[in-house]
């Protein structure tokens, strides 16, 4: 018998400006939730053509970008370039250092590119690995239907009801699910014991918990669960007017200090100062940043 986790806290992700002309609802990486190891930041972003995230550096973390609608182009100083579309994911390991750009591709109907970006901390021993990319296409992601078709789960990473994800794409172990619950639907999703977990509400107002210990949470809220327990239980009332869509994520906590300054995530203040110096002097992983400008960044409307 599973033991559902209880909610530790739930809070609204307020909209703010980010990049150039983009808007994000940031929940992890704010005063409400500074970190939730191994997670450093979570953004629900909206970016119209002419806006985006032009050339910028990273060191010490992995970023996971999940497109909900529209497309985004990416390009870095190693010569890697590509596009992810709705339903696709990109796993990018910054490691010892990378300089890259993320720009939305104009949609024919003028609608914005919308997605989630999650920053995942790297174990200290992997902070200096070489940068790398792995793309996961929508067609590669297994999905399952439960509860008489009232629940749909995309198994992006991890295991759900006997279905495994295609492969592990991050150095730090994480499970990621895109769950849709229709009115009258109920689901219990197992999670690894001891991992930290949260559920970001993309649509609707799902109810978490069982029996008399239940809480209904609205759209754009992040729900953080206690570590005790091995599952989360969620449902949508039979009479609800809309489906609920949940971005559920769990990850193995890392027993290490986190020191962050903007795009640099290290384990000490000295490490952050070194990252800043290396970037400014184009050294120790940032050699190729000298004079580099992305082609996609040049279309930015400043």
C-alpha atoms as a PDB file:
ATOM      1  CA  UNK A   1       0.000   0.000   0.000  1.00  0.00           C
ATOM      2  CA  UNK A   2       1.387   3.389  -0.961  1.00  0.00           C
ATOM      3  CA  UNK A   3       1.706   6.270   1.482  1.00  0.00           C
ATOM      4  CA  UNK A   4       0.699   9.554  -0.212  1.00  0.00           C
ATOM      5  CA  UNK A   5       2.831  12.576   0.562  1.00  0.00           C
ATOM      6  CA  UNK A   6       1.333  15.613   2.252  1.00  0.00           C
ATOM      7  CA  UNK A   7       1.797  19.172   1.037  1.00  0.00           C
ATOM      8  CA  UNK A   8       4.587  21.161   2.660  1.00  0.00           C
ATOM      9  CA  UNK A   9       3.647  24.425   0.990  1.00  0.00           C
ATOM     10  CA  UNK A  10       1.823  25.760  -2.063  1.00  0.00           C
ATOM     11  CA  UNK A  11       2.339  29.231  -3.500  1.00  0.00           C
ATOM     12  CA  UNK A  12       1.574  31.307  -6.567  1.00  0.00           C
ATOM     13  CA  UNK A  13       4.309  31.791  -9.169  1.00  0.00           C
ATOM     14  CA  UNK A  14       4.063  35.495  -9.941  1.00  0.00           C
ATOM     15  CA  UNK A  15       4.857  36.803 -13.411  1.00  0.00           C
ATOM     16  CA  UNK A  16       8.014  38.840 -13.974  1.00  0.00           C
ATOM     17  CA  UNK A  17      10.269  39.998 -16.822  1.00  0.00           C
ATOM     18  CA  UNK A  18      13.242  37.889 -17.863  1.00  0.00           C
ATOM     19  CA  UNK A  19      15.685  37.878 -20.759  1.00  0.00           C
ATOM     20  CA  UNK A  20      14.716  40.459 -23.381  1.00  0.00           C
ATOM     21  CA  UNK A  21      10.978  40.961 -23.658  1.00  0.00           C
ATOM     22  CA  UNK A  22      10.089  37.546 -22.218  1.00  0.00           C
ATOM     23  CA  UNK A  23       7.786  36.899 -19.260  1.00  0.00           C
ATOM     24  CA  UNK A  24       8.237  34.113 -16.729  1.00  0.00           C
ATOM     25  CA  UNK A  25       6.398  32.766 -13.717  1.00  0.00           C
ATOM     26  CA  UNK A  26       9.277  31.713 -11.466  1.00  0.00           C
ATOM     27  CA  UNK A  27       8.556  29.535  -8.460  1.00  0.00           C
ATOM     28  CA  UNK A  28      11.797  27.786  -7.493  1.00  0.00           C
ATOM     29  CA  UNK A  29      14.607  30.310  -7.146  1.00  0.00           C
ATOM     30  CA  UNK A  30      12.493  32.962  -5.393  1.00  0.00           C
ATOM     31  CA  UNK A  31      12.097  34.100  -1.776  1.00  0.00           C
ATOM     32  CA  UNK A  32       9.141  31.683  -1.541  1.00  0.00           C
ATOM     33  CA  UNK A  33      11.401  28.738  -2.364  1.00  0.00           C
ATOM     34  CA  UNK A  34      15.075  29.511  -2.822  1.00  0.00           C
ATOM     35  CA  UNK A  35      16.159  25.936  -3.635  1.00  0.00           C
ATOM     36  CA  UNK A  36      14.704  22.456  -3.444  1.00  0.00           C
ATOM     37  CA  UNK A  37      17.712  20.207  -3.986  1.00  0.00           C
ATOM     38  CA  UNK A  38      18.546  19.208  -6.633  1.00  0.00           C
ATOM     39  CA  UNK A  39      16.347  21.913  -8.203  1.00  0.00           C
ATOM     40  CA  UNK A  40      17.741  25.425  -8.500  1.00  0.00           C
ATOM     41  CA  UNK A  41      15.110  27.238 -10.555  1.00  0.00           C
ATOM     42  CA  UNK A  42      11.762  26.656 -12.281  1.00  0.00           C
ATOM     43  CA  UNK A  43      10.369  29.072 -14.877  1.00  0.00           C
ATOM     44  CA  UNK A  44       7.071  28.892 -16.750  1.00  0.00           C
ATOM     45  CA  UNK A  45       7.981  31.155 -19.650  1.00  0.00           C
ATOM     46  CA  UNK A  46       6.098  32.981 -22.390  1.00  0.00           C
ATOM     47  CA  UNK A  47       8.096  34.504 -25.227  1.00  0.00           C
ATOM     48  CA  UNK A  48       6.764  36.263 -28.311  1.00  0.00           C
ATOM     49  CA  UNK A  49       8.725  36.693 -31.561  1.00  0.00           C
ATOM     50  CA  UNK A  50      11.369  39.385 -31.106  1.00  0.00           C
ATOM     51  CA  UNK A  51      11.788  38.450 -27.443  1.00  0.00           C
ATOM     52  CA  UNK A  52      13.812  35.685 -25.878  1.00  0.00           C
ATOM     53  CA  UNK A  53      17.020  34.783 -24.111  1.00  0.00           C
ATOM     54  CA  UNK A  54      20.012  35.969 -26.155  1.00  0.00           C
ATOM     55  CA  UNK A  55      23.669  34.997 -25.662  1.00  0.00           C
ATOM     56  CA  UNK A  56      24.391  34.163 -22.030  1.00  0.00           C
ATOM     57  CA  UNK A  57      26.740  31.851 -20.070  1.00  0.00           C
ATOM     58  CA  UNK A  58      26.154  28.938 -17.692  1.00  0.00           C
ATOM     59  CA  UNK A  59      28.336  26.845 -15.427  1.00  0.00           C
ATOM     60  CA  UNK A  60      27.650  24.104 -12.910  1.00  0.00           C
ATOM     61  CA  UNK A  61      24.079  23.026 -13.700  1.00  0.00           C
ATOM     62  CA  UNK A  62      21.822  21.292 -16.171  1.00  0.00           C
ATOM     63  CA  UNK A  63      18.802  22.954 -17.774  1.00  0.00           C
ATOM     64  CA  UNK A  64      15.731  21.033 -18.900  1.00  0.00           C
ATOM     65  CA  UNK A  65      13.458  22.878 -21.334  1.00  0.00           C
ATOM     66  CA  UNK A  66       9.979  21.506 -22.116  1.00  0.00           C
ATOM     67  CA  UNK A  67       7.994  23.207 -24.870  1.00  0.00           C
ATOM     68  CA  UNK A  68       4.257  23.394 -24.232  1.00  0.00           C
ATOM     69  CA  UNK A  69       3.421  25.361 -27.380  1.00  0.00           C
ATOM     70  CA  UNK A  70       5.361  26.980 -30.191  1.00  0.00           C
ATOM     71  CA  UNK A  71       9.038  26.372 -30.956  1.00  0.00           C
ATOM     72  CA  UNK A  72      12.392  27.591 -29.684  1.00  0.00           C
ATOM     73  CA  UNK A  73      15.738  27.724 -31.496  1.00  0.00           C
ATOM     74  CA  UNK A  74      18.969  27.209 -29.608  1.00  0.00           C
ATOM     75  CA  UNK A  75      22.615  27.767 -30.496  1.00  0.00           C
ATOM     76  CA  UNK A  76      25.883  27.666 -28.559  1.00  0.00           C
ATOM     77  CA  UNK A  77      29.552  28.532 -28.961  1.00  0.00           C
ATOM     78  CA  UNK A  78      30.530  24.929 -29.742  1.00  0.00           C
ATOM     79  CA  UNK A  79      28.566  25.021 -33.001  1.00  0.00           C
ATOM     80  CA  UNK A  80      25.530  23.123 -31.721  1.00  0.00           C
ATOM     81  CA  UNK A  81      22.216  24.447 -32.994  1.00  0.00           C
ATOM     82  CA  UNK A  82      18.684  23.142 -33.333  1.00  0.00           C
ATOM     83  CA  UNK A  83      14.999  23.630 -32.652  1.00  0.00           C
ATOM     84  CA  UNK A  84      12.591  22.053 -30.196  1.00  0.00           C
ATOM     85  CA  UNK A  85       8.867  22.099 -30.899  1.00  0.00           C
ATOM     86  CA  UNK A  86       5.721  21.654 -28.817  1.00  0.00           C
ATOM     87  CA  UNK A  87       6.037  18.488 -26.730  1.00  0.00           C
ATOM     88  CA  UNK A  88       9.827  18.251 -27.174  1.00  0.00           C
ATOM     89  CA  UNK A  89      12.467  18.591 -24.465  1.00  0.00           C
ATOM     90  CA  UNK A  90      16.078  19.657 -24.437  1.00  0.00           C
ATOM     91  CA  UNK A  91      18.479  18.566 -21.699  1.00  0.00           C
ATOM     92  CA  UNK A  92      21.539  20.829 -21.635  1.00  0.00           C
ATOM     93  CA  UNK A  93      24.519  20.200 -19.360  1.00  0.00           C
ATOM     94  CA  UNK A  94      26.506  23.394 -18.805  1.00  0.00           C
ATOM     95  CA  UNK A  95      29.247  21.636 -16.858  1.00  0.00           C
ATOM     96  CA  UNK A  96      32.505  23.601 -16.887  1.00  0.00           C
ATOM     97  CA  UNK A  97      31.033  26.331 -19.047  1.00  0.00           C
ATOM     98  CA  UNK A  98      28.893  27.162 -22.044  1.00  0.00           C
ATOM     99  CA  UNK A  99      27.652  30.259 -23.848  1.00  0.00           C
ATOM    100  CA  UNK A 100      24.380  29.921 -25.695  1.00  0.00           C
ATOM    101  CA  UNK A 101      21.180  31.549 -26.894  1.00  0.00           C
ATOM    102  CA  UNK A 102      17.517  30.500 -26.775  1.00  0.00           C
ATOM    103  CA  UNK A 103      15.115  32.279 -29.106  1.00  0.00           C
ATOM    104  CA  UNK A 104      11.452  31.640 -29.896  1.00  0.00           C
ATOM    105  CA  UNK A 105      10.524  30.925 -33.467  1.00  0.00           C
ATOM    106  CA  UNK A 106       7.676  33.032 -34.838  1.00  0.00           C
ATOM    107  CA  UNK A 107       4.362  31.148 -35.041  1.00  0.00           C
ATOM    108  CA  UNK A 108       2.135  31.654 -38.047  1.00  0.00           C
ATOM    109  CA  UNK A 109      -0.803  32.725 -35.885  1.00  0.00           C
ATOM    110  CA  UNK A 110       1.364  35.099 -33.824  1.00  0.00           C
ATOM    111  CA  UNK A 111       0.940  33.077 -30.641  1.00  0.00           C
ATOM    112  CA  UNK A 112       3.842  32.975 -28.173  1.00  0.00           C
ATOM    113  CA  UNK A 113       6.231  30.164 -27.426  1.00  0.00           C
ATOM    114  CA  UNK A 114       5.361  28.757 -23.991  1.00  0.00           C
ATOM    115  CA  UNK A 115       7.310  26.254 -21.952  1.00  0.00           C
ATOM    116  CA  UNK A 116       8.936  25.181 -18.726  1.00  0.00           C
ATOM    117  CA  UNK A 117      12.611  25.486 -17.888  1.00  0.00           C
ATOM    118  CA  UNK A 118      14.025  23.653 -14.895  1.00  0.00           C
ATOM    119  CA  UNK A 119      17.568  24.102 -13.582  1.00  0.00           C
ATOM    120  CA  UNK A 120      18.999  20.991 -11.938  1.00  0.00           C
ATOM    121  CA  UNK A 121      22.147  21.099  -9.835  1.00  0.00           C
ATOM    122  CA  UNK A 122      25.097  18.930 -10.824  1.00  0.00           C
ATOM    123  CA  UNK A 123      26.933  16.838  -8.220  1.00  0.00           C
ATOM    124  CA  UNK A 124      30.158  18.597  -7.217  1.00  0.00           C
ATOM    125  CA  UNK A 125      32.297  15.942  -8.903  1.00  0.00           C
ATOM    126  CA  UNK A 126      30.524  16.643 -12.229  1.00  0.00           C
ATOM    127  CA  UNK A 127      30.692  20.440 -12.169  1.00  0.00           C
ATOM    128  CA  UNK A 128      33.620  20.374 -14.603  1.00  0.00           C
ATOM    129  CA  UNK A 129      32.265  17.942 -17.208  1.00  0.00           C
ATOM    130  CA  UNK A 130      32.191  19.009 -20.836  1.00  0.00           C
ATOM    131  CA  UNK A 131      28.951  20.649 -22.029  1.00  0.00           C
ATOM    132  CA  UNK A 132      26.473  18.405 -23.832  1.00  0.00           C
ATOM    133  CA  UNK A 133      22.936  18.325 -25.240  1.00  0.00           C
ATOM    134  CA  UNK A 134      20.300  15.610 -25.458  1.00  0.00           C
ATOM    135  CA  UNK A 135      16.991  16.211 -27.210  1.00  0.00           C
ATOM    136  CA  UNK A 136      13.864  14.203 -26.464  1.00  0.00           C
ATOM    137  CA  UNK A 137      11.181  14.451 -29.134  1.00  0.00           C
ATOM    138  CA  UNK A 138       7.474  14.321 -28.353  1.00  0.00           C
ATOM    139  CA  UNK A 139       7.052  11.157 -30.418  1.00  0.00           C
ATOM    140  CA  UNK A 140       9.644   9.388 -28.225  1.00  0.00           C
ATOM    141  CA  UNK A 141       7.760  10.031 -24.973  1.00  0.00           C
ATOM    142  CA  UNK A 142       5.542   7.126 -23.865  1.00  0.00           C
ATOM    143  CA  UNK A 143       2.072   8.003 -22.620  1.00  0.00           C
ATOM    144  CA  UNK A 144      -0.569   6.070 -20.746  1.00  0.00           C
ATOM    145  CA  UNK A 145      -4.307   6.365 -20.104  1.00  0.00           C
ATOM    146  CA  UNK A 146      -5.727   5.485 -16.697  1.00  0.00           C
ATOM    147  CA  UNK A 147      -8.975   5.615 -14.747  1.00  0.00           C
ATOM    148  CA  UNK A 148     -11.177   4.899 -17.745  1.00  0.00           C
ATOM    149  CA  UNK A 149      -9.491   7.557 -19.879  1.00  0.00           C
ATOM    150  CA  UNK A 150      -9.936  10.281 -17.280  1.00  0.00           C
ATOM    151  CA  UNK A 151      -6.178  10.466 -16.613  1.00  0.00           C
ATOM    152  CA  UNK A 152      -3.370  10.829 -19.176  1.00  0.00           C
ATOM    153  CA  UNK A 153       0.321  10.698 -18.239  1.00  0.00           C
ATOM    154  CA  UNK A 154       3.325  11.501 -20.428  1.00  0.00           C
ATOM    155  CA  UNK A 155       6.272   9.632 -18.918  1.00  0.00           C
ATOM    156  CA  UNK A 156       9.091  12.033 -19.751  1.00  0.00           C
ATOM    157  CA  UNK A 157      11.524  10.572 -17.238  1.00  0.00           C
ATOM    158  CA  UNK A 158      11.032   7.836 -14.653  1.00  0.00           C
ATOM    159  CA  UNK A 159       8.348   5.181 -14.215  1.00  0.00           C
ATOM    160  CA  UNK A 160       4.567   5.322 -14.091  1.00  0.00           C
ATOM    161  CA  UNK A 161       2.135   2.424 -13.746  1.00  0.00           C
ATOM    162  CA  UNK A 162       4.480  -0.096 -15.328  1.00  0.00           C
ATOM    163  CA  UNK A 163       5.711   2.223 -18.096  1.00  0.00           C
ATOM    164  CA  UNK A 164       9.349   3.366 -18.202  1.00  0.00           C
ATOM    165  CA  UNK A 165      10.662   6.489 -19.887  1.00  0.00           C
ATOM    166  CA  UNK A 166      12.830   6.102 -22.970  1.00  0.00           C
ATOM    167  CA  UNK A 167      16.113   6.826 -21.201  1.00  0.00           C
ATOM    168  CA  UNK A 168      17.773   8.892 -18.493  1.00  0.00           C
ATOM    169  CA  UNK A 169      18.922  12.186 -19.960  1.00  0.00           C
ATOM    170  CA  UNK A 170      20.244  14.075 -16.929  1.00  0.00           C
ATOM    171  CA  UNK A 171      23.292  13.368 -14.766  1.00  0.00           C
ATOM    172  CA  UNK A 172      21.263  13.991 -11.604  1.00  0.00           C
ATOM    173  CA  UNK A 173      18.396  11.464 -11.293  1.00  0.00           C
ATOM    174  CA  UNK A 174      15.023  13.132 -11.948  1.00  0.00           C
ATOM    175  CA  UNK A 175      11.506  11.911 -12.731  1.00  0.00           C
ATOM    176  CA  UNK A 176       9.252  14.134 -14.836  1.00  0.00           C
ATOM    177  CA  UNK A 177       5.585  13.647 -15.732  1.00  0.00           C
ATOM    178  CA  UNK A 178       3.033  15.712 -17.634  1.00  0.00           C
ATOM    179  CA  UNK A 179      -0.307  14.654 -16.143  1.00  0.00           C
ATOM    180  CA  UNK A 180      -3.783  15.610 -17.354  1.00  0.00           C
ATOM    181  CA  UNK A 181      -6.746  14.800 -15.097  1.00  0.00           C
ATOM    182  CA  UNK A 182     -10.256  15.189 -16.473  1.00  0.00           C
ATOM    183  CA  UNK A 183     -13.351  15.770 -14.299  1.00  0.00           C
ATOM    184  CA  UNK A 184     -13.959  12.701 -12.164  1.00  0.00           C
ATOM    185  CA  UNK A 185     -10.396  11.450 -12.654  1.00  0.00           C
ATOM    186  CA  UNK A 186      -8.082  10.241  -9.915  1.00  0.00           C
ATOM    187  CA  UNK A 187      -4.443   9.158  -9.969  1.00  0.00           C
ATOM    188  CA  UNK A 188      -1.787   7.920  -7.552  1.00  0.00           C
ATOM    189  CA  UNK A 189       1.747   8.372  -8.892  1.00  0.00           C
ATOM    190  CA  UNK A 190       4.592   6.545  -7.161  1.00  0.00           C
ATOM    191  CA  UNK A 191       7.766   8.516  -6.404  1.00  0.00           C
ATOM    192  CA  UNK A 192      11.156   7.376  -5.082  1.00  0.00           C
ATOM    193  CA  UNK A 193      11.353   7.487  -1.307  1.00  0.00           C
ATOM    194  CA  UNK A 194      13.453  10.378   0.019  1.00  0.00           C
ATOM    195  CA  UNK A 195      13.427  12.387  -3.207  1.00  0.00           C
ATOM    196  CA  UNK A 196      12.208  15.974  -3.235  1.00  0.00           C
ATOM    197  CA  UNK A 197       9.103  16.549  -5.332  1.00  0.00           C
ATOM    198  CA  UNK A 198       6.863  19.344  -6.552  1.00  0.00           C
ATOM    199  CA  UNK A 199       3.836  19.760  -8.808  1.00  0.00           C
ATOM    200  CA  UNK A 200       3.380  22.914 -10.887  1.00  0.00           C
ATOM    201  CA  UNK A 201      -0.214  23.533 -11.947  1.00  0.00           C
ATOM    202  CA  UNK A 202      -0.393  24.410 -15.641  1.00  0.00           C
ATOM    203  CA  UNK A 203      -4.173  24.294 -15.941  1.00  0.00           C
ATOM    204  CA  UNK A 204      -7.221  23.789 -13.748  1.00  0.00           C
ATOM    205  CA  UNK A 205      -7.468  23.221 -10.000  1.00  0.00           C
ATOM    206  CA  UNK A 206      -6.525  19.690  -8.936  1.00  0.00           C
ATOM    207  CA  UNK A 207      -7.029  18.337  -5.432  1.00  0.00           C
ATOM    208  CA  UNK A 208      -4.117  16.618  -3.688  1.00  0.00           C
ATOM    209  CA  UNK A 209      -4.255  14.119  -0.835  1.00  0.00           C
ATOM    210  CA  UNK A 210      -6.740  11.479   0.290  1.00  0.00           C
ATOM    211  CA  UNK A 211      -9.795  11.171   2.534  1.00  0.00           C
ATOM    212  CA  UNK A 212     -10.066  14.103   4.964  1.00  0.00           C
ATOM    213  CA  UNK A 213      -6.582  15.465   4.251  1.00  0.00           C
ATOM    214  CA  UNK A 214      -7.110  17.104   0.866  1.00  0.00           C
ATOM    215  CA  UNK A 215      -6.155  20.492  -0.582  1.00  0.00           C
ATOM    216  CA  UNK A 216      -7.307  22.048  -3.851  1.00  0.00           C
ATOM    217  CA  UNK A 217      -4.699  24.186  -5.606  1.00  0.00           C
ATOM    218  CA  UNK A 218      -5.190  26.655  -8.462  1.00  0.00           C
ATOM    219  CA  UNK A 219      -3.414  27.390 -11.714  1.00  0.00           C
ATOM    220  CA  UNK A 220       0.162  28.733 -11.678  1.00  0.00           C
ATOM    221  CA  UNK A 221       0.780  27.467  -8.139  1.00  0.00           C
ATOM    222  CA  UNK A 222       3.740  25.287  -7.212  1.00  0.00           C
ATOM    223  CA  UNK A 223       2.942  22.528  -4.732  1.00  0.00           C
ATOM    224  CA  UNK A 224       5.928  21.272  -2.720  1.00  0.00           C
ATOM    225  CA  UNK A 225       5.545  17.915  -0.979  1.00  0.00           C
ATOM    226  CA  UNK A 226       7.084  16.570   2.191  1.00  0.00           C
ATOM    227  CA  UNK A 227       9.745  13.893   1.660  1.00  0.00           C
ATOM    228  CA  UNK A 228       7.849  11.336   3.749  1.00  0.00           C
ATOM    229  CA  UNK A 229       5.730   9.015   1.655  1.00  0.00           C
ATOM    230  CA  UNK A 230       6.168   7.186  -1.639  1.00  0.00           C
ATOM    231  CA  UNK A 231       3.458   8.669  -3.873  1.00  0.00           C
ATOM    232  CA  UNK A 232       1.244  11.639  -4.592  1.00  0.00           C
ATOM    233  CA  UNK A 233      -2.526  11.395  -4.966  1.00  0.00           C
ATOM    234  CA  UNK A 234      -4.417  13.872  -7.153  1.00  0.00           C
ATOM    235  CA  UNK A 235      -7.933  14.182  -8.514  1.00  0.00           C
ATOM    236  CA  UNK A 236     -10.406  16.518 -10.167  1.00  0.00           C
ATOM    237  CA  UNK A 237     -13.994  16.708  -8.940  1.00  0.00           C
ATOM    238  CA  UNK A 238     -16.665  15.128 -11.124  1.00  0.00           C
ATOM    239  CA  UNK A 239     -18.436  18.469 -11.511  1.00  0.00           C
ATOM    240  CA  UNK A 240     -15.335  20.498 -12.388  1.00  0.00           C
ATOM    241  CA  UNK A 241     -15.606  22.744 -15.444  1.00  0.00           C
ATOM    242  CA  UNK A 242     -12.087  22.101 -16.752  1.00  0.00           C
ATOM    243  CA  UNK A 243      -9.300  19.554 -16.847  1.00  0.00           C
ATOM    244  CA  UNK A 244      -6.235  19.911 -14.646  1.00  0.00           C
ATOM    245  CA  UNK A 245      -2.733  19.679 -16.075  1.00  0.00           C
ATOM    246  CA  UNK A 246       0.178  19.053 -13.717  1.00  0.00           C
ATOM    247  CA  UNK A 247       3.939  19.218 -14.305  1.00  0.00           C
ATOM    248  CA  UNK A 248       5.118  16.725 -11.668  1.00  0.00           C
ATOM    249  CA  UNK A 249       8.846  16.469 -10.928  1.00  0.00           C
ATOM    250  CA  UNK A 250      10.929  14.565  -8.376  1.00  0.00           C
ATOM    251  CA  UNK A 251      14.694  14.488  -7.924  1.00  0.00           C
ATOM    252  CA  UNK A 252      17.438  12.970  -5.796  1.00  0.00           C
ATOM    253  CA  UNK A 253      18.601  15.560  -3.218  1.00  0.00           C
ATOM    254  CA  UNK A 254      22.299  16.386  -3.337  1.00  0.00           C
ATOM    255  CA  UNK A 255      24.185  16.669  -0.044  1.00  0.00           C
ATOM    256  CA  UNK A 256      26.153  19.754  -0.982  1.00  0.00           C
ATOM    257  CA  UNK A 257      26.170  23.504  -0.559  1.00  0.00           C
ATOM    258  CA  UNK A 258      24.638  25.640  -3.299  1.00  0.00           C
ATOM    259  CA  UNK A 259      26.139  29.038  -4.087  1.00  0.00           C
ATOM    260  CA  UNK A 260      24.547  30.766  -7.061  1.00  0.00           C
ATOM    261  CA  UNK A 261      25.243  34.009  -8.837  1.00  0.00           C
ATOM    262  CA  UNK A 262      22.995  34.425 -11.869  1.00  0.00           C
ATOM    263  CA  UNK A 263      23.820  31.630 -14.351  1.00  0.00           C
ATOM    264  CA  UNK A 264      26.701  30.229 -12.279  1.00  0.00           C
ATOM    265  CA  UNK A 265      25.842  27.467  -9.781  1.00  0.00           C
ATOM    266  CA  UNK A 266      28.770  26.242  -7.694  1.00  0.00           C
ATOM    267  CA  UNK A 267      29.477  24.910  -4.203  1.00  0.00           C
ATOM    268  CA  UNK A 268      31.387  27.844  -2.728  1.00  0.00           C
ATOM    269  CA  UNK A 269      31.801  31.592  -3.059  1.00  0.00           C
ATOM    270  CA  UNK A 270      35.303  30.950  -4.345  1.00  0.00           C
ATOM    271  CA  UNK A 271      33.857  28.763  -7.080  1.00  0.00           C
ATOM    272  CA  UNK A 272      31.449  31.508  -8.150  1.00  0.00           C
ATOM    273  CA  UNK A 273      34.214  34.132  -8.172  1.00  0.00           C
ATOM    274  CA  UNK A 274      36.346  31.799 -10.287  1.00  0.00           C
ATOM    275  CA  UNK A 275      33.465  31.274 -12.740  1.00  0.00           C
ATOM    276  CA  UNK A 276      33.038  35.026 -13.128  1.00  0.00           C
ATOM    277  CA  UNK A 277      36.763  35.484 -13.667  1.00  0.00           C
ATOM    278  CA  UNK A 278      36.932  32.617 -16.169  1.00  0.00           C
ATOM    279  CA  UNK A 279      34.033  34.070 -18.153  1.00  0.00           C
ATOM    280  CA  UNK A 280      35.514  37.559 -18.158  1.00  0.00           C
ATOM    281  CA  UNK A 281      38.931  36.254 -19.260  1.00  0.00           C
ATOM    282  CA  UNK A 282      37.637  33.600 -21.703  1.00  0.00           C
ATOM    283  CA  UNK A 283      39.447  30.797 -19.908  1.00  0.00           C
ATOM    284  CA  UNK A 284      38.898  27.408 -18.224  1.00  0.00           C
ATOM    285  CA  UNK A 285      35.925  26.402 -20.346  1.00  0.00           C
ATOM    286  CA  UNK A 286      34.963  29.800 -21.761  1.00  0.00           C
ATOM    287  CA  UNK A 287      37.745  30.084 -24.348  1.00  0.00           C
ATOM    288  CA  UNK A 288      35.265  29.921 -27.226  1.00  0.00           C
ATOM    289  CA  UNK A 289      33.155  32.742 -25.777  1.00  0.00           C
ATOM    290  CA  UNK A 290      35.680  35.334 -26.959  1.00  0.00           C
ATOM    291  CA  UNK A 291      34.076  37.326 -29.756  1.00  0.00           C
ATOM    292  CA  UNK A 292      31.281  34.795 -30.190  1.00  0.00           C
ATOM    293  CA  UNK A 293      27.780  35.919 -31.164  1.00  0.00           C
ATOM    294  CA  UNK A 294      24.964  33.552 -32.013  1.00  0.00           C
ATOM    295  CA  UNK A 295      23.250  33.872 -35.363  1.00  0.00           C
ATOM    296  CA  UNK A 296      19.805  33.489 -33.797  1.00  0.00           C
ATOM    297  CA  UNK A 297      20.581  36.201 -31.250  1.00  0.00           C
ATOM    298  CA  UNK A 298      21.186  38.693 -34.046  1.00  0.00           C
ATOM    299  CA  UNK A 299      17.480  38.731 -34.849  1.00  0.00           C
ATOM    300  CA  UNK A 300      16.695  40.099 -31.390  1.00  0.00           C
ATOM    301  CA  UNK A 301      14.643  43.285 -31.461  1.00  0.00           C
ATOM    302  CA  UNK A 302      16.335  45.462 -28.853  1.00  0.00           C
END
